[in-house]
Amino acid sequence: MSFYFSDTAVLLFDFWSVHTPTGMVLSVLVIVLLSMLYEAVKMGKAMLLRRALLALPRSLSRESLVEPEEGGTGPGQGRWFRYHVGQTLFHVVQVVLGYMVMLAVMSYNAWIFLGAIVGSTLGYFVVYPLLGRG
């Protein structure tokens, strides 16, 4: 198979069937937005990881390694677990978006491929500076 430029394609689902130039432009715009959202989720996951690492205890003293007493959890442990759950949810969303964009690109339509590249580039360009602020 090879990439081709055309205004017809079936993307992801049977109901997403494109037969007009306007439909292709809208489809490329959706792929651009999905790619940008993928980059935003990836960056959000990195910011959450940084916060989770800051929530861990600074030292591994004997007291922090001892099992907490029954019914009690350390203040850092609960916060770390919430960050871990958040990271897991971010990861699921990132995987779903990534596979959706990948499957759209596998239509071998060059316009869709270029939309994925442009969306990824714009998403990284827009969201990356936010990582330094987190």
C-alpha atoms as a PDB file:
ATOM      1  CA  MET A   1       0.000   0.000   0.000  1.00  0.00           C
ATOM      2  CA  SER A   2       1.046   3.564  -0.510  1.00  0.00           C
ATOM      3  CA  PHE A   3      -0.248   6.962   0.505  1.00  0.00           C
ATOM      4  CA  TYR A   4      -2.605   8.706  -1.875  1.00  0.00           C
ATOM      5  CA  PHE A   5      -4.164  12.161  -2.073  1.00  0.00           C
ATOM      6  CA  SER A   6      -7.920  11.905  -2.364  1.00  0.00           C
ATOM      7  CA  ASP A   7     -11.065  13.470  -0.996  1.00  0.00           C
ATOM      8  CA  THR A   8     -12.630  10.075  -0.271  1.00  0.00           C
ATOM      9  CA  ALA A   9     -11.851   7.874   2.707  1.00  0.00           C
ATOM     10  CA  VAL A  10     -13.434   5.798   5.446  1.00  0.00           C
ATOM     11  CA  LEU A  11     -11.963   6.715   8.828  1.00  0.00           C
ATOM     12  CA  LEU A  12     -12.206   4.597  11.985  1.00  0.00           C
ATOM     13  CA  PHE A  13     -15.918   3.758  11.617  1.00  0.00           C
ATOM     14  CA  ASP A  14     -18.301   3.102   8.717  1.00  0.00           C
ATOM     15  CA  PHE A  15     -20.291   6.227   9.551  1.00  0.00           C
ATOM     16  CA  TRP A  16     -17.167   8.380   9.129  1.00  0.00           C
ATOM     17  CA  SER A  17     -17.142   8.057   5.372  1.00  0.00           C
ATOM     18  CA  VAL A  18     -15.780  11.048   3.453  1.00  0.00           C
ATOM     19  CA  HIS A  19     -16.801  11.698  -0.146  1.00  0.00           C
ATOM     20  CA  THR A  20     -16.381  15.449  -0.653  1.00  0.00           C
ATOM     21  CA  PRO A  21     -13.547  17.948  -0.365  1.00  0.00           C
ATOM     22  CA  THR A  22     -15.418  19.737   2.430  1.00  0.00           C
ATOM     23  CA  GLY A  23     -15.793  16.467   4.299  1.00  0.00           C
ATOM     24  CA  MET A  24     -12.075  15.813   3.926  1.00  0.00           C
ATOM     25  CA  VAL A  25     -11.187  19.272   5.260  1.00  0.00           C
ATOM     26  CA  LEU A  26     -13.423  18.700   8.292  1.00  0.00           C
ATOM     27  CA  SER A  27     -11.970  15.229   8.817  1.00  0.00           C
ATOM     28  CA  VAL A  28      -8.420  16.565   8.668  1.00  0.00           C
ATOM     29  CA  LEU A  29      -9.416  19.249  11.179  1.00  0.00           C
ATOM     30  CA  VAL A  30     -10.776  16.563  13.538  1.00  0.00           C
ATOM     31  CA  ILE A  31      -7.527  14.574  13.203  1.00  0.00           C
ATOM     32  CA  VAL A  32      -5.502  17.743  13.894  1.00  0.00           C
ATOM     33  CA  LEU A  33      -7.541  18.351  17.050  1.00  0.00           C
ATOM     34  CA  LEU A  34      -7.230  14.712  18.171  1.00  0.00           C
ATOM     35  CA  SER A  35      -3.452  14.887  17.687  1.00  0.00           C
ATOM     36  CA  MET A  36      -3.251  18.130  19.637  1.00  0.00           C
ATOM     37  CA  LEU A  37      -5.345  16.614  22.420  1.00  0.00           C
ATOM     38  CA  TYR A  38      -3.002  13.607  22.473  1.00  0.00           C
ATOM     39  CA  GLU A  39      -0.036  15.919  23.035  1.00  0.00           C
ATOM     40  CA  ALA A  40      -1.909  17.830  25.740  1.00  0.00           C
ATOM     41  CA  VAL A  41      -2.767  14.605  27.578  1.00  0.00           C
ATOM     42  CA  LYS A  42       0.838  13.444  27.276  1.00  0.00           C
ATOM     43  CA  MET A  43       2.058  16.694  28.796  1.00  0.00           C
ATOM     44  CA  GLY A  44      -0.617  16.571  31.526  1.00  0.00           C
ATOM     45  CA  LYS A  45       0.575  13.099  32.428  1.00  0.00           C
ATOM     46  CA  ALA A  46       4.146  14.384  32.732  1.00  0.00           C
ATOM     47  CA  MET A  47       3.033  17.255  34.978  1.00  0.00           C
ATOM     48  CA  LEU A  48       1.093  14.830  37.174  1.00  0.00           C
ATOM     49  CA  LEU A  49       4.164  12.583  37.398  1.00  0.00           C
ATOM     50  CA  ARG A  50       6.237  15.519  38.623  1.00  0.00           C
ATOM     51  CA  ARG A  51       3.654  16.296  41.308  1.00  0.00           C
ATOM     52  CA  ALA A  52       3.506  12.632  42.336  1.00  0.00           C
ATOM     53  CA  LEU A  53       7.277  12.508  42.728  1.00  0.00           C
ATOM     54  CA  LEU A  54       7.168  15.649  44.860  1.00  0.00           C
ATOM     55  CA  ALA A  55       4.513  14.005  47.060  1.00  0.00           C
ATOM     56  CA  LEU A  56       6.842  11.123  47.928  1.00  0.00           C
ATOM     57  CA  PRO A  57       8.796  11.380  51.193  1.00  0.00           C
ATOM     58  CA  ARG A  58      12.160  13.123  50.846  1.00  0.00           C
ATOM     59  CA  SER A  59      14.070  10.457  52.755  1.00  0.00           C
ATOM     60  CA  LEU A  60      13.683   6.757  53.151  1.00  0.00           C
ATOM     61  CA  SER A  61      14.113   6.608  56.885  1.00  0.00           C
ATOM     62  CA  ARG A  62      13.223   3.546  58.887  1.00  0.00           C
ATOM     63  CA  GLU A  63       9.994   5.207  60.061  1.00  0.00           C
ATOM     64  CA  SER A  64       8.763   5.813  56.515  1.00  0.00           C
ATOM     65  CA  LEU A  65       9.496   2.211  55.531  1.00  0.00           C
ATOM     66  CA  VAL A  66       7.622   0.660  58.453  1.00  0.00           C
ATOM     67  CA  GLU A  67       4.090  -0.470  57.688  1.00  0.00           C
ATOM     68  CA  PRO A  68       1.524   2.082  58.870  1.00  0.00           C
ATOM     69  CA  GLU A  69      -0.587   1.059  61.792  1.00  0.00           C
ATOM     70  CA  GLU A  70      -3.913  -0.569  61.087  1.00  0.00           C
ATOM     71  CA  GLY A  71      -6.532   1.899  59.900  1.00  0.00           C
ATOM     72  CA  GLY A  72      -3.990   4.645  59.394  1.00  0.00           C
ATOM     73  CA  THR A  73      -2.186   5.794  56.302  1.00  0.00           C
ATOM     74  CA  GLY A  74       0.515   8.348  56.046  1.00  0.00           C
ATOM     75  CA  PRO A  75      -0.478  11.722  54.616  1.00  0.00           C
ATOM     76  CA  GLY A  76       1.868  11.296  51.667  1.00  0.00           C
ATOM     77  CA  GLN A  77       0.630   7.816  50.835  1.00  0.00           C
ATOM     78  CA  GLY A  78      -2.966   8.858  50.137  1.00  0.00           C
ATOM     79  CA  ARG A  79      -1.855  11.813  48.062  1.00  0.00           C
ATOM     80  CA  TRP A  80       0.548   9.638  46.069  1.00  0.00           C
ATOM     81  CA  PHE A  81      -2.229   7.098  45.408  1.00  0.00           C
ATOM     82  CA  ARG A  82      -4.539   9.833  44.044  1.00  0.00           C
ATOM     83  CA  TYR A  83      -1.771  10.978  41.716  1.00  0.00           C
ATOM     84  CA  HIS A  84      -1.260   7.379  40.616  1.00  0.00           C
ATOM     85  CA  VAL A  85      -4.975   6.982  39.824  1.00  0.00           C
ATOM     86  CA  GLY A  86      -4.884  10.274  37.898  1.00  0.00           C
ATOM     87  CA  GLN A  87      -1.850   9.145  35.918  1.00  0.00           C
ATOM     88  CA  THR A  88      -3.596   5.863  35.116  1.00  0.00           C
ATOM     89  CA  LEU A  89      -6.629   7.703  33.757  1.00  0.00           C
ATOM     90  CA  PHE A  90      -4.412  10.035  31.729  1.00  0.00           C
ATOM     91  CA  HIS A  91      -2.608   6.974  30.360  1.00  0.00           C
ATOM     92  CA  VAL A  92      -5.865   5.319  29.254  1.00  0.00           C
ATOM     93  CA  VAL A  93      -6.994   8.491  27.474  1.00  0.00           C
ATOM     94  CA  GLN A  94      -3.558   8.843  25.860  1.00  0.00           C
ATOM     95  CA  VAL A  95      -3.609   5.257  24.571  1.00  0.00           C
ATOM     96  CA  VAL A  96      -7.147   5.583  23.173  1.00  0.00           C
ATOM     97  CA  LEU A  97      -6.332   8.849  21.403  1.00  0.00           C
ATOM     98  CA  GLY A  98      -3.052   7.464  20.082  1.00  0.00           C
ATOM     99  CA  TYR A  99      -4.705   4.390  18.616  1.00  0.00           C
ATOM    100  CA  MET A 100      -7.495   6.453  17.083  1.00  0.00           C
ATOM    101  CA  VAL A 101      -5.003   8.724  15.316  1.00  0.00           C
ATOM    102  CA  MET A 102      -2.905   5.720  14.270  1.00  0.00           C
ATOM    103  CA  LEU A 103      -5.909   3.925  12.791  1.00  0.00           C
ATOM    104  CA  ALA A 104      -6.961   7.075  10.942  1.00  0.00           C
ATOM    105  CA  VAL A 105      -3.459   7.357   9.450  1.00  0.00           C
ATOM    106  CA  MET A 106      -3.719   3.706   8.407  1.00  0.00           C
ATOM    107  CA  SER A 107      -6.394   4.759   5.920  1.00  0.00           C
ATOM    108  CA  TYR A 108      -3.301   5.719   3.875  1.00  0.00           C
ATOM    109  CA  ASN A 109      -4.879   9.005   2.917  1.00  0.00           C
ATOM    110  CA  ALA A 110      -2.058  11.544   2.704  1.00  0.00           C
ATOM    111  CA  TRP A 111      -4.284  14.420   3.864  1.00  0.00           C
ATOM    112  CA  ILE A 112      -5.141  12.555   7.053  1.00  0.00           C
ATOM    113  CA  PHE A 113      -1.457  11.711   7.590  1.00  0.00           C
ATOM    114  CA  LEU A 114      -0.464  15.364   7.171  1.00  0.00           C
ATOM    115  CA  GLY A 115      -3.249  16.373   9.581  1.00  0.00           C
ATOM    116  CA  ALA A 116      -1.846  13.998  12.212  1.00  0.00           C
ATOM    117  CA  ILE A 117       1.657  15.414  11.749  1.00  0.00           C
ATOM    118  CA  VAL A 118       0.480  19.039  11.875  1.00  0.00           C
ATOM    119  CA  GLY A 119      -1.687  18.345  14.933  1.00  0.00           C
ATOM    120  CA  SER A 120       1.126  16.644  16.784  1.00  0.00           C
ATOM    121  CA  THR A 121       3.515  19.463  15.945  1.00  0.00           C
ATOM    122  CA  LEU A 122       1.088  22.214  16.954  1.00  0.00           C
ATOM    123  CA  GLY A 123       0.059  20.360  20.092  1.00  0.00           C
ATOM    124  CA  TYR A 124       3.645  19.953  21.231  1.00  0.00           C
ATOM    125  CA  PHE A 125       4.480  23.558  20.352  1.00  0.00           C
ATOM    126  CA  VAL A 126       1.501  24.944  22.283  1.00  0.00           C
ATOM    127  CA  VAL A 127       1.560  22.639  25.321  1.00  0.00           C
ATOM    128  CA  TYR A 128       5.297  22.148  25.936  1.00  0.00           C
ATOM    129  CA  PRO A 129       5.852  25.600  27.525  1.00  0.00           C
ATOM    130  CA  LEU A 130       3.188  24.725  30.112  1.00  0.00           C
ATOM    131  CA  LEU A 131       5.382  21.896  31.420  1.00  0.00           C
ATOM    132  CA  GLY A 132       7.818  24.409  32.889  1.00  0.00           C
ATOM    133  CA  ARG A 133       5.024  26.154  34.799  1.00  0.00           C
ATOM    134  CA  GLY A 134       3.540  22.983  36.343  1.00  0.00           C
END
